[in-house]
Amino acid sequence: MDTHFKREKIGASYCARCGQMLLGVPRLTSSKLRKLSASQRRVERMYGGRLCHSCIRNLLKQAVRNI
C-alpha cells in the first residue's frame, strides 16, 4: 500500500490594513513562487503585495493633505 500525501491549499494574501484580499498576487507555494520573476510575484507599486489599492490611495491622500 502506497502512502498518499495531501498538498495544502495555499492561502491568499490579504491587505495588512483592511484585510481585503490582494489582487495580482499569485497563490503559489514558495518553491514555485521563487521561479517567477520579481514583477510576477507582486504588484509593482508602493507597498505592492502588502496593502490594497484603496488603502494606498487613502494613505497618499492623507500624506498630501498633511503637507
N, C-alpha and C. Protein backbone atom coordinates (compact mmCIF):
# COMPACT_ATOMS: atom_id res chain seq x y z
N MET A 1 0.83 -1.17 0.00
CA MET A 1 0.00 0.00 0.00
C MET A 1 0.89 1.25 0.00
N ASP A 2 0.59 2.18 -0.90
CA ASP A 2 1.38 3.40 -1.02
C ASP A 2 0.86 4.49 -0.09
N THR A 3 1.76 5.36 0.28
CA THR A 3 1.38 6.49 1.12
C THR A 3 1.03 7.67 0.23
N HIS A 4 -0.11 8.28 0.46
CA HIS A 4 -0.53 9.44 -0.32
C HIS A 4 -0.43 10.68 0.55
N PHE A 5 0.21 11.70 0.02
CA PHE A 5 0.35 12.95 0.75
C PHE A 5 -0.59 13.98 0.14
N LYS A 6 -1.30 14.65 0.98
CA LYS A 6 -2.25 15.66 0.53
C LYS A 6 -1.55 17.02 0.54
N ARG A 7 -1.58 17.73 -0.58
CA ARG A 7 -0.95 19.05 -0.64
C ARG A 7 -1.88 20.09 -0.02
N GLU A 8 -1.31 20.95 0.79
CA GLU A 8 -2.10 22.00 1.42
C GLU A 8 -2.45 23.07 0.40
N LYS A 9 -3.63 23.64 0.54
CA LYS A 9 -4.01 24.75 -0.31
C LYS A 9 -3.31 26.00 0.19
N ILE A 10 -2.82 26.78 -0.75
CA ILE A 10 -2.10 27.99 -0.40
C ILE A 10 -3.12 29.11 -0.17
N GLY A 11 -3.01 29.77 0.95
CA GLY A 11 -3.93 30.85 1.27
C GLY A 11 -3.63 32.11 0.47
N ALA A 12 -4.62 32.93 0.32
CA ALA A 12 -4.46 34.18 -0.42
C ALA A 12 -3.75 35.21 0.45
N SER A 13 -3.19 36.23 -0.19
CA SER A 13 -2.57 37.34 0.54
C SER A 13 -3.65 38.37 0.83
N TYR A 14 -3.54 38.99 2.01
CA TYR A 14 -4.53 39.98 2.42
C TYR A 14 -3.86 41.29 2.78
N CYS A 15 -4.61 42.37 2.66
CA CYS A 15 -4.14 43.70 2.98
C CYS A 15 -3.84 43.78 4.48
N ALA A 16 -2.71 44.40 4.83
CA ALA A 16 -2.31 44.49 6.24
C ALA A 16 -3.15 45.52 6.99
N ARG A 17 -3.83 46.39 6.27
CA ARG A 17 -4.60 47.45 6.92
C ARG A 17 -6.07 47.12 7.05
N CYS A 18 -6.71 46.71 5.95
CA CYS A 18 -8.16 46.50 5.98
C CYS A 18 -8.55 45.02 5.89
N GLY A 19 -7.63 44.15 5.47
CA GLY A 19 -7.93 42.72 5.41
C GLY A 19 -8.55 42.26 4.10
N GLN A 20 -8.64 43.15 3.11
CA GLN A 20 -9.19 42.78 1.80
C GLN A 20 -8.19 41.88 1.08
N MET A 21 -8.69 40.92 0.29
CA MET A 21 -7.82 40.03 -0.47
C MET A 21 -7.08 40.82 -1.53
N LEU A 22 -5.77 40.59 -1.65
CA LEU A 22 -4.95 41.31 -2.61
C LEU A 22 -5.06 40.68 -3.99
N LEU A 23 -5.33 41.50 -4.97
CA LEU A 23 -5.40 41.04 -6.36
C LEU A 23 -4.02 41.19 -6.99
N GLY A 24 -3.67 40.33 -7.90
CA GLY A 24 -2.39 40.42 -8.59
C GLY A 24 -1.26 39.70 -7.88
N VAL A 25 -1.55 39.04 -6.76
CA VAL A 25 -0.52 38.28 -6.04
C VAL A 25 -0.86 36.80 -6.20
N PRO A 26 0.02 36.01 -6.82
CA PRO A 26 -0.30 34.61 -7.10
C PRO A 26 -0.37 33.77 -5.82
N ARG A 27 -1.20 32.74 -5.86
CA ARG A 27 -1.34 31.81 -4.74
C ARG A 27 -0.53 30.56 -5.07
N LEU A 28 0.77 30.62 -4.85
CA LEU A 28 1.67 29.52 -5.18
C LEU A 28 2.49 29.13 -3.96
N THR A 29 3.04 27.93 -4.00
CA THR A 29 3.96 27.51 -2.94
C THR A 29 5.25 28.30 -3.07
N SER A 30 6.03 28.32 -2.01
CA SER A 30 7.27 29.11 -2.02
C SER A 30 8.25 28.63 -3.08
N SER A 31 8.28 27.33 -3.33
CA SER A 31 9.20 26.81 -4.35
C SER A 31 8.79 27.25 -5.75
N LYS A 32 7.49 27.30 -6.02
CA LYS A 32 7.02 27.75 -7.33
C LYS A 32 7.10 29.27 -7.45
N LEU A 33 6.89 29.97 -6.35
CA LEU A 33 6.94 31.43 -6.34
C LEU A 33 8.36 31.91 -6.61
N ARG A 34 9.34 31.16 -6.16
CA ARG A 34 10.75 31.51 -6.35
C ARG A 34 11.13 31.49 -7.82
N LYS A 35 10.44 30.68 -8.62
CA LYS A 35 10.77 30.56 -10.04
C LYS A 35 10.22 31.72 -10.88
N LEU A 36 9.29 32.50 -10.32
CA LEU A 36 8.73 33.63 -11.04
C LEU A 36 9.67 34.83 -10.98
N SER A 37 9.53 35.72 -11.96
CA SER A 37 10.31 36.95 -11.91
C SER A 37 9.73 37.87 -10.84
N ALA A 38 10.49 38.88 -10.44
CA ALA A 38 10.06 39.76 -9.35
C ALA A 38 8.77 40.50 -9.70
N SER A 39 8.59 40.85 -10.96
CA SER A 39 7.38 41.58 -11.35
C SER A 39 6.15 40.69 -11.36
N GLN A 40 6.33 39.38 -11.45
CA GLN A 40 5.19 38.47 -11.41
C GLN A 40 4.82 38.08 -9.98
N ARG A 41 5.72 38.30 -9.03
CA ARG A 41 5.46 37.92 -7.64
C ARG A 41 4.53 38.88 -6.93
N ARG A 42 4.64 40.16 -7.25
CA ARG A 42 3.83 41.16 -6.56
C ARG A 42 3.52 42.31 -7.48
N VAL A 43 2.63 43.19 -7.04
CA VAL A 43 2.23 44.35 -7.83
C VAL A 43 3.34 45.39 -7.73
N GLU A 44 3.69 46.02 -8.85
CA GLU A 44 4.80 46.97 -8.89
C GLU A 44 4.33 48.38 -8.56
N ARG A 45 4.04 48.63 -7.30
CA ARG A 45 3.75 49.98 -6.83
C ARG A 45 4.16 50.04 -5.36
N MET A 46 4.07 51.23 -4.78
CA MET A 46 4.43 51.37 -3.37
C MET A 46 3.58 50.41 -2.54
N TYR A 47 4.20 49.75 -1.61
CA TYR A 47 3.52 48.79 -0.73
C TYR A 47 2.81 47.68 -1.50
N GLY A 48 3.25 47.39 -2.71
CA GLY A 48 2.66 46.32 -3.50
C GLY A 48 2.85 44.98 -2.83
N GLY A 49 1.80 44.20 -2.70
CA GLY A 49 1.87 42.92 -2.03
C GLY A 49 1.64 43.03 -0.53
N ARG A 50 1.50 44.26 -0.02
CA ARG A 50 1.25 44.48 1.41
C ARG A 50 -0.10 45.15 1.66
N LEU A 51 -0.38 46.20 0.86
CA LEU A 51 -1.62 46.96 1.03
C LEU A 51 -2.43 46.92 -0.27
N CYS A 52 -3.74 47.01 -0.13
CA CYS A 52 -4.61 47.02 -1.30
C CYS A 52 -4.60 48.41 -1.93
N HIS A 53 -5.16 48.53 -3.12
CA HIS A 53 -5.12 49.78 -3.85
C HIS A 53 -5.89 50.89 -3.14
N SER A 54 -6.98 50.57 -2.49
CA SER A 54 -7.76 51.61 -1.83
C SER A 54 -7.05 52.14 -0.59
N CYS A 55 -6.35 51.30 0.15
CA CYS A 55 -5.60 51.76 1.32
C CYS A 55 -4.43 52.65 0.90
N ILE A 56 -3.74 52.28 -0.18
CA ILE A 56 -2.64 53.10 -0.68
C ILE A 56 -3.17 54.46 -1.12
N ARG A 57 -4.31 54.46 -1.77
CA ARG A 57 -4.92 55.71 -2.22
C ARG A 57 -5.25 56.61 -1.03
N ASN A 58 -5.83 56.04 0.01
CA ASN A 58 -6.15 56.82 1.21
C ASN A 58 -4.90 57.34 1.91
N LEU A 59 -3.84 56.52 1.98
CA LEU A 59 -2.60 56.97 2.59
C LEU A 59 -1.97 58.12 1.82
N LEU A 60 -2.01 58.05 0.49
CA LEU A 60 -1.46 59.13 -0.32
C LEU A 60 -2.26 60.42 -0.15
N LYS A 61 -3.58 60.30 -0.06
CA LYS A 61 -4.42 61.48 0.16
C LYS A 61 -4.09 62.14 1.49
N GLN A 62 -3.93 61.33 2.54
CA GLN A 62 -3.61 61.88 3.85
C GLN A 62 -2.24 62.53 3.87
N ALA A 63 -1.27 61.93 3.17
CA ALA A 63 0.09 62.49 3.12
C ALA A 63 0.10 63.84 2.42
N VAL A 64 -0.67 63.98 1.35
CA VAL A 64 -0.72 65.24 0.60
C VAL A 64 -1.43 66.30 1.41
N ARG A 65 -2.47 65.93 2.12
CA ARG A 65 -3.21 66.90 2.92
C ARG A 65 -2.42 67.39 4.13
N ASN A 66 -1.49 66.58 4.62
CA ASN A 66 -0.71 66.95 5.80
C ASN A 66 0.51 67.79 5.48
N ILE A 67 0.79 67.99 4.22
CA ILE A 67 1.98 68.79 3.83
C ILE A 67 1.74 70.25 4.10
